[in-house]
N, C-alpha and C. Protein backbone atom coordinates (compact mmCIF):
# COMPACT_ATOMS: atom_id res chain seq x y z
N UNK A 1 128.23 153.65 90.71
CA UNK A 1 127.70 152.39 90.89
C UNK A 1 126.39 152.41 91.48
N UNK A 2 125.28 151.75 91.31
CA UNK A 2 123.84 151.85 91.63
C UNK A 2 123.66 150.84 92.80
N UNK A 3 122.47 151.12 93.22
CA UNK A 3 122.14 150.18 94.22
C UNK A 3 121.62 148.44 93.62
N UNK A 4 121.14 148.77 92.32
CA UNK A 4 121.06 147.45 91.50
C UNK A 4 122.29 146.63 91.51
N UNK A 5 123.36 147.29 91.31
CA UNK A 5 124.60 146.69 90.74
C UNK A 5 125.23 145.92 92.22
N UNK A 6 124.96 146.72 93.35
CA UNK A 6 125.12 146.08 94.53
C UNK A 6 124.23 144.91 94.92
N UNK A 7 123.20 145.24 94.87
CA UNK A 7 122.09 144.12 95.16
C UNK A 7 122.43 142.73 93.80
N UNK A 8 122.78 142.99 93.27
CA UNK A 8 123.24 141.89 92.21
C UNK A 8 124.39 141.17 92.36
N UNK A 9 125.54 142.12 93.02
CA UNK A 9 126.76 141.41 93.60
C UNK A 9 126.56 140.73 95.02
N UNK A 10 125.54 141.20 95.96
CA UNK A 10 125.32 140.56 97.32
C UNK A 10 124.41 139.07 96.56
N UNK A 11 123.67 139.15 95.89
CA UNK A 11 123.23 137.90 95.10
C UNK A 11 124.17 136.63 94.53
N UNK A 12 124.99 137.48 93.86
CA UNK A 12 126.21 136.70 93.33
C UNK A 12 126.90 136.36 94.18
N UNK A 13 126.98 136.92 95.45
CA UNK A 13 128.25 136.33 96.48
C UNK A 13 127.51 135.55 97.43
N UNK A 14 125.95 135.51 97.24
CA UNK A 14 125.22 134.23 98.31
C UNK A 14 125.02 133.19 97.40
N UNK A 15 124.62 133.36 96.22
CA UNK A 15 124.02 132.16 95.32
C UNK A 15 125.20 131.32 94.44
N UNK A 16 125.89 132.30 93.86
CA UNK A 16 126.74 131.26 92.62
C UNK A 16 127.92 131.21 93.42
N UNK A 17 128.45 131.76 94.52
CA UNK A 17 129.58 131.76 95.26
C UNK A 17 129.48 130.82 96.19
N UNK A 18 128.27 130.48 96.85
CA UNK A 18 128.03 129.88 97.78
C UNK A 18 128.36 130.34 98.90
N UNK A 19 127.66 131.65 99.16
CA UNK A 19 128.32 132.37 100.75
C UNK A 19 126.96 132.51 101.41
N UNK A 20 127.42 132.41 102.74
CA UNK A 20 126.13 132.26 103.70
C UNK A 20 125.60 133.70 103.81
N UNK A 21 124.04 133.99 104.49
CA UNK A 21 123.94 135.12 104.61
C UNK A 21 124.60 135.79 105.41
N UNK A 22 125.30 135.46 106.39
CA UNK A 22 125.91 136.34 106.87
C UNK A 22 127.28 136.85 106.56
N UNK A 23 127.74 136.15 105.27
CA UNK A 23 129.00 136.67 104.59
C UNK A 23 128.41 137.63 103.52
N UNK A 24 127.09 137.56 103.25
CA UNK A 24 126.46 138.59 102.62
C UNK A 24 126.31 139.47 103.64
N UNK A 25 125.92 139.74 104.19
CA UNK A 25 125.49 141.00 105.82
C UNK A 25 126.80 141.45 105.56
N UNK A 26 128.08 140.70 105.81
CA UNK A 26 129.24 141.55 106.37
C UNK A 26 129.76 142.09 104.99
N UNK A 27 129.40 141.86 103.73
CA UNK A 27 129.96 142.48 102.57
C UNK A 27 129.18 143.66 102.45
N UNK A 28 127.59 143.74 102.62
CA UNK A 28 127.08 144.96 102.87
C UNK A 28 127.14 145.91 103.44
N UNK A 29 127.69 145.18 105.00
CA UNK A 29 128.17 146.13 105.79
C UNK A 29 129.72 147.03 105.68
N UNK A 30 130.29 146.02 104.51
CA UNK A 30 131.60 147.24 104.29
C UNK A 30 131.33 148.10 103.14
N UNK A 31 130.20 147.77 102.06
CA UNK A 31 129.99 148.93 101.29
C UNK A 31 129.12 149.74 101.84
N UNK A 32 128.29 149.60 102.88
CA UNK A 32 127.48 150.38 103.58
C UNK A 32 128.56 151.46 104.00
N UNK A 33 129.58 151.25 104.83
CA UNK A 33 130.55 151.76 105.54
C UNK A 33 131.33 152.55 104.46
N UNK A 34 131.65 152.08 103.36
CA UNK A 34 132.05 152.88 102.19
C UNK A 34 131.30 154.21 101.75
N UNK A 35 130.20 153.77 101.46
CA UNK A 35 129.25 154.78 100.82
C UNK A 35 128.82 155.73 101.85
N UNK A 36 128.61 155.42 103.14
CA UNK A 36 128.49 156.35 104.12
C UNK A 36 129.43 157.47 104.13
N UNK A 37 130.83 156.79 104.06
CA UNK A 37 132.07 157.67 103.89
C UNK A 37 131.84 158.65 102.84
N UNK A 38 131.70 158.20 101.25
CA UNK A 38 131.48 158.61 100.26
C UNK A 38 130.35 160.02 100.40
N UNK A 39 129.31 159.56 100.98
CA UNK A 39 128.26 160.88 101.39
C UNK A 39 128.72 161.90 102.03
N UNK A 40 129.74 161.93 102.96
CA UNK A 40 130.34 162.92 103.83
C UNK A 40 131.20 163.53 102.81
N UNK A 41 131.92 163.05 101.89
CA UNK A 41 132.91 163.57 101.10
C UNK A 41 132.50 164.47 99.67
N UNK A 42 131.10 163.54 99.27
CA UNK A 42 130.90 164.18 97.93
C UNK A 42 129.91 164.47 97.79
N UNK A 43 129.09 165.39 98.56
CA UNK A 43 127.81 165.90 98.59
C UNK A 43 126.88 165.68 96.89
N UNK A 44 127.68 165.49 95.58
CA UNK A 44 126.86 165.33 94.09
C UNK A 44 126.20 163.57 94.80
N UNK A 45 127.10 163.21 95.29
CA UNK A 45 126.65 161.51 95.09
C UNK A 45 125.56 161.33 96.25
N UNK A 46 125.01 161.79 97.11
CA UNK A 46 124.38 161.73 98.17
C UNK A 46 123.41 160.98 97.68
N UNK A 47 122.44 161.21 96.68
CA UNK A 47 121.18 160.65 96.33
C UNK A 47 121.61 158.70 96.26
N UNK A 48 122.62 158.71 95.16
CA UNK A 48 123.12 157.29 95.17
C UNK A 48 123.71 156.78 96.10
N UNK A 49 124.33 157.37 96.92
CA UNK A 49 124.78 156.57 98.46
C UNK A 49 123.45 156.30 99.35
N UNK A 50 122.39 157.37 99.15
CA UNK A 50 121.24 156.57 100.09
C UNK A 50 120.61 155.58 99.39
N UNK A 51 120.44 155.63 98.30
CA UNK A 51 120.29 154.30 97.95
C UNK A 51 120.60 152.91 98.29
N UNK A 52 122.02 153.32 98.12
CA UNK A 52 123.10 151.92 98.56
C UNK A 52 122.71 151.62 100.29
N UNK A 53 122.61 152.63 100.86
CA UNK A 53 122.33 152.67 102.19
C UNK A 53 121.15 152.11 102.99
N UNK A 54 120.10 151.96 101.82
CA UNK A 54 118.79 151.40 102.11
C UNK A 54 118.69 150.21 101.85
N UNK A 55 119.86 149.51 101.00
CA UNK A 55 119.81 147.85 100.95
C UNK A 55 119.56 147.35 102.23
N UNK A 56 118.45 146.48 102.33
CA UNK A 56 118.25 145.81 103.75
C UNK A 56 119.22 144.53 103.85
N UNK A 57 119.69 144.52 105.07
CA UNK A 57 120.21 143.01 105.38
C UNK A 57 119.39 142.30 105.33
N UNK A 58 119.72 140.84 105.29
CA UNK A 58 119.07 139.33 105.19
C UNK A 58 119.10 138.69 106.23
N UNK A 59 117.81 138.50 107.01
CA UNK A 59 117.55 137.78 108.28
C UNK A 59 117.87 136.18 107.86
N UNK A 60 118.63 135.54 108.62
CA UNK A 60 119.11 134.13 108.16
C UNK A 60 117.77 133.31 109.09
N UNK A 61 117.33 132.28 108.72
CA UNK A 61 116.41 131.13 109.65
C UNK A 61 117.06 131.01 110.56
N UNK A 62 116.25 131.05 111.92
CA UNK A 62 116.92 130.64 113.08
C UNK A 62 116.48 129.17 113.14
N UNK A 63 117.42 128.43 113.37
CA UNK A 63 117.07 127.01 113.92
C UNK A 63 116.96 126.78 115.23
N UNK A 64 116.12 125.62 115.37
CA UNK A 64 115.79 124.92 116.71
C UNK A 64 116.84 124.56 117.44
N UNK A 65 117.15 124.77 118.64
CA UNK A 65 118.11 124.21 119.24
C UNK A 65 117.64 122.75 119.51
N UNK A 66 118.90 121.70 119.47
CA UNK A 66 118.29 119.95 119.61
C UNK A 66 119.02 119.87 120.85
N UNK A 67 118.10 118.87 121.64
CA UNK A 67 118.43 118.47 122.93
C UNK A 67 118.75 116.92 122.87
N UNK A 68 119.68 116.56 124.03
CA UNK A 68 119.72 114.81 124.09
C UNK A 68 118.16 114.43 124.66
N UNK A 69 117.81 113.48 124.32
CA UNK A 69 116.59 112.89 124.88
C UNK A 69 117.26 111.98 125.85
N UNK A 70 116.16 111.60 127.10
CA UNK A 70 116.47 110.88 128.15
C UNK A 70 117.39 109.66 127.87
N UNK A 71 117.10 109.06 126.68
CA UNK A 71 118.07 107.61 126.39
C UNK A 71 119.50 108.06 126.26
N UNK A 72 119.86 109.30 125.36
CA UNK A 72 120.87 109.57 125.14
C UNK A 72 121.78 109.82 126.38
N UNK A 73 120.67 110.82 127.08
CA UNK A 73 121.55 111.41 128.59
C UNK A 73 121.73 110.15 129.53
N UNK A 74 121.02 108.92 129.53
CA UNK A 74 121.52 108.07 130.45
C UNK A 74 122.46 107.39 129.82
N UNK A 75 122.84 107.16 128.40
CA UNK A 75 123.90 106.37 127.73
C UNK A 75 125.06 107.24 127.95
N UNK A 76 124.92 108.24 128.14
CA UNK A 76 126.51 109.10 128.78
C UNK A 76 126.72 109.12 130.09
N UNK A 77 125.76 109.04 130.87
CA UNK A 77 125.96 109.01 132.16
C UNK A 77 126.56 107.24 132.60
N UNK A 78 125.85 106.40 131.77
CA UNK A 78 126.54 105.32 132.31
C UNK A 78 127.75 104.82 131.60
N UNK A 79 128.47 105.86 130.61
CA UNK A 79 129.98 105.41 130.21
C UNK A 79 130.90 105.33 131.14
N UNK A 80 131.19 106.53 132.01
CA UNK A 80 132.43 106.29 133.02
C UNK A 80 132.13 105.09 134.26
N UNK A 81 133.32 104.42 134.05
CA UNK A 81 133.70 103.45 134.99
C UNK A 81 133.86 103.91 136.27
N UNK A 82 132.75 103.62 137.01
CA UNK A 82 132.28 104.45 138.38
C UNK A 82 133.37 103.61 139.67
N UNK A 83 134.06 102.22 139.42
CA UNK A 83 134.65 101.65 139.90
C UNK A 83 136.36 102.57 140.04
N UNK A 84 136.39 103.04 139.20
CA UNK A 84 137.65 104.08 139.47
C UNK A 84 137.47 105.32 140.09
N UNK A 85 138.53 106.08 140.42
CA UNK A 85 138.31 107.36 140.94
C UNK A 85 137.99 108.34 139.51
N UNK A 86 138.86 108.00 138.92
CA UNK A 86 138.37 109.30 137.29
C UNK A 86 137.02 108.73 137.04
N UNK A 87 136.51 107.69 136.86
CA UNK A 87 135.26 107.04 136.64
C UNK A 87 134.41 107.95 137.55
N UNK A 88 134.55 107.91 138.83
CA UNK A 88 133.41 108.41 139.68
C UNK A 88 133.41 110.10 139.59
N UNK A 89 134.63 110.62 139.21
CA UNK A 89 134.79 111.96 138.90
C UNK A 89 134.14 112.63 137.84
N UNK A 90 134.27 111.59 136.77
CA UNK A 90 133.70 112.01 135.45
C UNK A 90 132.09 111.80 135.79
N UNK A 91 131.61 110.75 136.32
CA UNK A 91 130.16 110.62 136.23
C UNK A 91 129.58 111.87 137.20
N UNK A 92 130.14 112.38 138.31
CA UNK A 92 129.83 113.35 139.00
C UNK A 92 129.66 114.92 138.26
N UNK A 93 130.69 114.88 137.68
CA UNK A 93 130.62 115.86 136.90
C UNK A 93 129.52 116.06 135.52
N UNK A 94 129.40 115.09 134.95
CA UNK A 94 128.62 114.71 133.75
C UNK A 94 126.98 115.00 134.37
N UNK A 95 127.11 114.30 135.83
CA UNK A 95 125.27 114.67 136.17
C UNK A 95 125.58 115.90 136.89
N UNK A 96 126.13 116.75 137.07
CA UNK A 96 126.18 117.86 137.72
C UNK A 96 126.02 119.34 136.56
N UNK A 97 126.48 119.05 135.36
CA UNK A 97 126.26 119.44 134.03
C UNK A 97 125.17 119.28 133.80
N UNK A 98 124.46 118.18 133.61
CA UNK A 98 123.18 118.09 133.03
C UNK A 98 122.18 118.46 134.09
N UNK A 99 122.42 118.47 135.32
CA UNK A 99 121.50 118.53 136.43
C UNK A 99 121.41 120.19 136.53
N UNK A 100 122.23 120.73 136.31
CA UNK A 100 122.47 122.21 136.63
C UNK A 100 122.38 123.13 135.30
N UNK A 101 122.74 122.85 134.19
CA UNK A 101 122.61 123.09 132.83
C UNK A 101 123.93 124.27 133.20
N UNK A 102 124.99 124.27 133.79
CA UNK A 102 125.98 125.33 133.83
C UNK A 102 126.93 124.77 132.62
N UNK A 103 127.47 126.15 132.31
CA UNK A 103 128.73 126.48 131.02
C UNK A 103 129.73 125.31 131.66
N UNK A 104 130.79 125.30 130.90
CA UNK A 104 131.77 124.58 131.31
C UNK A 104 132.79 125.45 132.08
N UNK A 105 132.65 126.96 132.01
CA UNK A 105 133.58 127.87 132.49
C UNK A 105 133.30 127.90 134.06
N UNK A 106 131.35 127.69 133.67
CA UNK A 106 130.98 127.86 135.41
C UNK A 106 131.39 126.89 136.20
N UNK A 107 131.30 125.88 135.54
CA UNK A 107 131.79 124.51 136.33
C UNK A 107 133.13 124.69 137.08
N UNK A 108 134.39 125.36 135.98
CA UNK A 108 135.62 125.27 136.39
C UNK A 108 135.78 126.28 137.60
N UNK A 109 134.80 127.46 137.42
CA UNK A 109 134.91 128.41 138.51
C UNK A 109 134.45 128.06 139.57
N UNK A 110 133.45 127.14 139.72
CA UNK A 110 132.92 126.37 140.89
C UNK A 110 133.97 126.51 142.15
N UNK A 111 133.53 126.67 143.38
CA UNK A 111 134.38 126.77 144.51
C UNK A 111 133.54 125.92 145.52
N UNK A 112 134.03 125.11 146.66
CA UNK A 112 132.99 123.99 146.87
C UNK A 112 132.18 124.80 148.11
N UNK A 113 132.56 126.42 148.44
CA UNK A 113 131.46 126.86 149.41
C UNK A 113 130.12 127.55 148.43
N UNK A 114 130.30 127.09 147.17
CA UNK A 114 128.99 127.45 146.33
C UNK A 114 127.75 126.28 146.53
N UNK A 115 128.65 125.10 146.76
CA UNK A 115 127.40 123.88 146.82
C UNK A 115 126.90 123.82 147.82
N UNK A 116 125.52 123.88 148.28
CA UNK A 116 124.75 123.53 149.73
C UNK A 116 124.28 121.65 149.55
N UNK A 117 124.75 121.12 150.36
CA UNK A 117 124.75 119.70 150.39
C UNK A 117 123.48 119.62 151.37
N UNK A 118 123.11 120.24 152.15
CA UNK A 118 121.97 120.32 153.23
C UNK A 118 120.78 120.49 152.43
N UNK A 119 119.49 120.04 152.68
CA UNK A 119 118.29 120.34 152.31
C UNK A 119 117.90 121.60 152.38
N UNK A 120 117.36 122.46 151.43
CA UNK A 120 117.27 121.99 149.93
C UNK A 120 118.80 121.97 149.45
N UNK A 121 118.97 121.22 148.81
CA UNK A 121 120.37 121.03 147.62
C UNK A 121 120.50 121.89 146.59
N UNK A 122 121.35 122.92 146.49
CA UNK A 122 121.79 123.76 145.24
C UNK A 122 122.82 124.43 145.23
N UNK A 123 123.25 124.57 144.09
CA UNK A 123 124.31 125.26 143.73
C UNK A 123 124.53 126.93 143.23
N UNK A 124 125.19 127.57 143.70
CA UNK A 124 125.38 129.18 143.20
C UNK A 124 126.27 128.91 142.11
N UNK A 125 125.96 129.38 141.02
CA UNK A 125 126.53 129.45 139.82
C UNK A 125 126.89 131.10 139.25
N UNK A 126 128.00 131.84 138.92
CA UNK A 126 128.23 132.71 138.61
C UNK A 126 128.74 132.76 136.67
N UNK A 127 127.87 133.42 136.30
CA UNK A 127 127.90 132.72 134.95
C UNK A 127 128.65 134.05 134.23
N UNK A 128 128.19 134.62 132.84
CA UNK A 128 128.91 135.60 131.96
C UNK A 128 128.51 136.61 132.99
N UNK A 129 129.29 137.77 132.34
CA UNK A 129 128.93 139.36 133.11
C UNK A 129 128.65 139.05 134.89
N UNK A 130 129.44 138.22 135.55
CA UNK A 130 129.40 138.04 136.92
C UNK A 130 127.73 137.81 137.42
N UNK A 131 126.96 137.24 136.43
CA UNK A 131 125.61 137.17 136.86
C UNK A 131 125.55 135.54 137.66
N UNK A 132 124.91 136.09 138.95
CA UNK A 132 124.68 134.48 139.60
C UNK A 132 123.24 134.25 139.57
N UNK A 133 123.03 132.80 139.66
CA UNK A 133 121.89 131.87 139.94
C UNK A 133 122.38 130.84 140.72
N UNK A 134 120.90 130.53 141.29
CA UNK A 134 121.02 129.18 142.08
C UNK A 134 120.27 128.07 141.47
N UNK A 135 120.56 126.98 141.47
CA UNK A 135 120.24 125.80 140.96
C UNK A 135 119.93 124.93 141.60
N UNK A 136 118.61 124.16 141.58
CA UNK A 136 118.49 122.83 142.73
C UNK A 136 119.41 121.79 142.06
N UNK A 137 119.88 121.03 143.21
CA UNK A 137 120.70 119.59 142.48
C UNK A 137 119.42 118.44 143.03
N UNK A 138 119.20 117.68 142.26
CA UNK A 138 118.33 116.55 141.98
C UNK A 138 119.41 115.66 143.03
N UNK A 139 118.63 114.53 143.86
CA UNK A 139 119.40 113.74 145.30
C UNK A 139 120.44 113.25 144.38
N UNK A 140 120.22 112.68 142.88
CA UNK A 140 120.73 111.61 142.41
C UNK A 140 122.38 112.28 141.95
N UNK A 141 122.40 113.45 141.71
CA UNK A 141 123.50 114.56 141.19
C UNK A 141 124.05 114.55 143.02
N UNK A 142 123.57 114.95 144.01
CA UNK A 142 124.41 115.30 145.39
C UNK A 142 124.95 113.83 145.93
N UNK A 143 124.27 112.62 145.56
CA UNK A 143 125.07 111.58 146.61
C UNK A 143 125.60 110.70 145.30
N UNK A 144 125.99 111.29 144.02
CA UNK A 144 127.00 110.28 143.17
C UNK A 144 128.25 110.74 143.36
């Protein structure tokens, strides 16, 4: 098998079969793994294996993150019925998540001692890898 055949297969997998760049790269990784193994077992095929091992992975375009605009955030914060206990809870949670940028797991792991209600208001969040960060809290988040 030549490198041109592998490249043709990868083009076919991506274009004609409708695969993503990630799927193409996954197929290439499997093919590379096999030819790396073959190069160690059959020294006569090393040149062919090296050609295939040098087929580059393809970079996918990185999309820009999308954010809610202020009107959308206001609409979300206005949804909970604040005349009920559940509505007050939901509004406080939405406000906290928006204010702090906390991941949902960070909010779930939060203990009362991590919130400072005295000035300056802040919260200590423990994120992935037990990394801690302190986020300031807006007055409207603290008093809701």
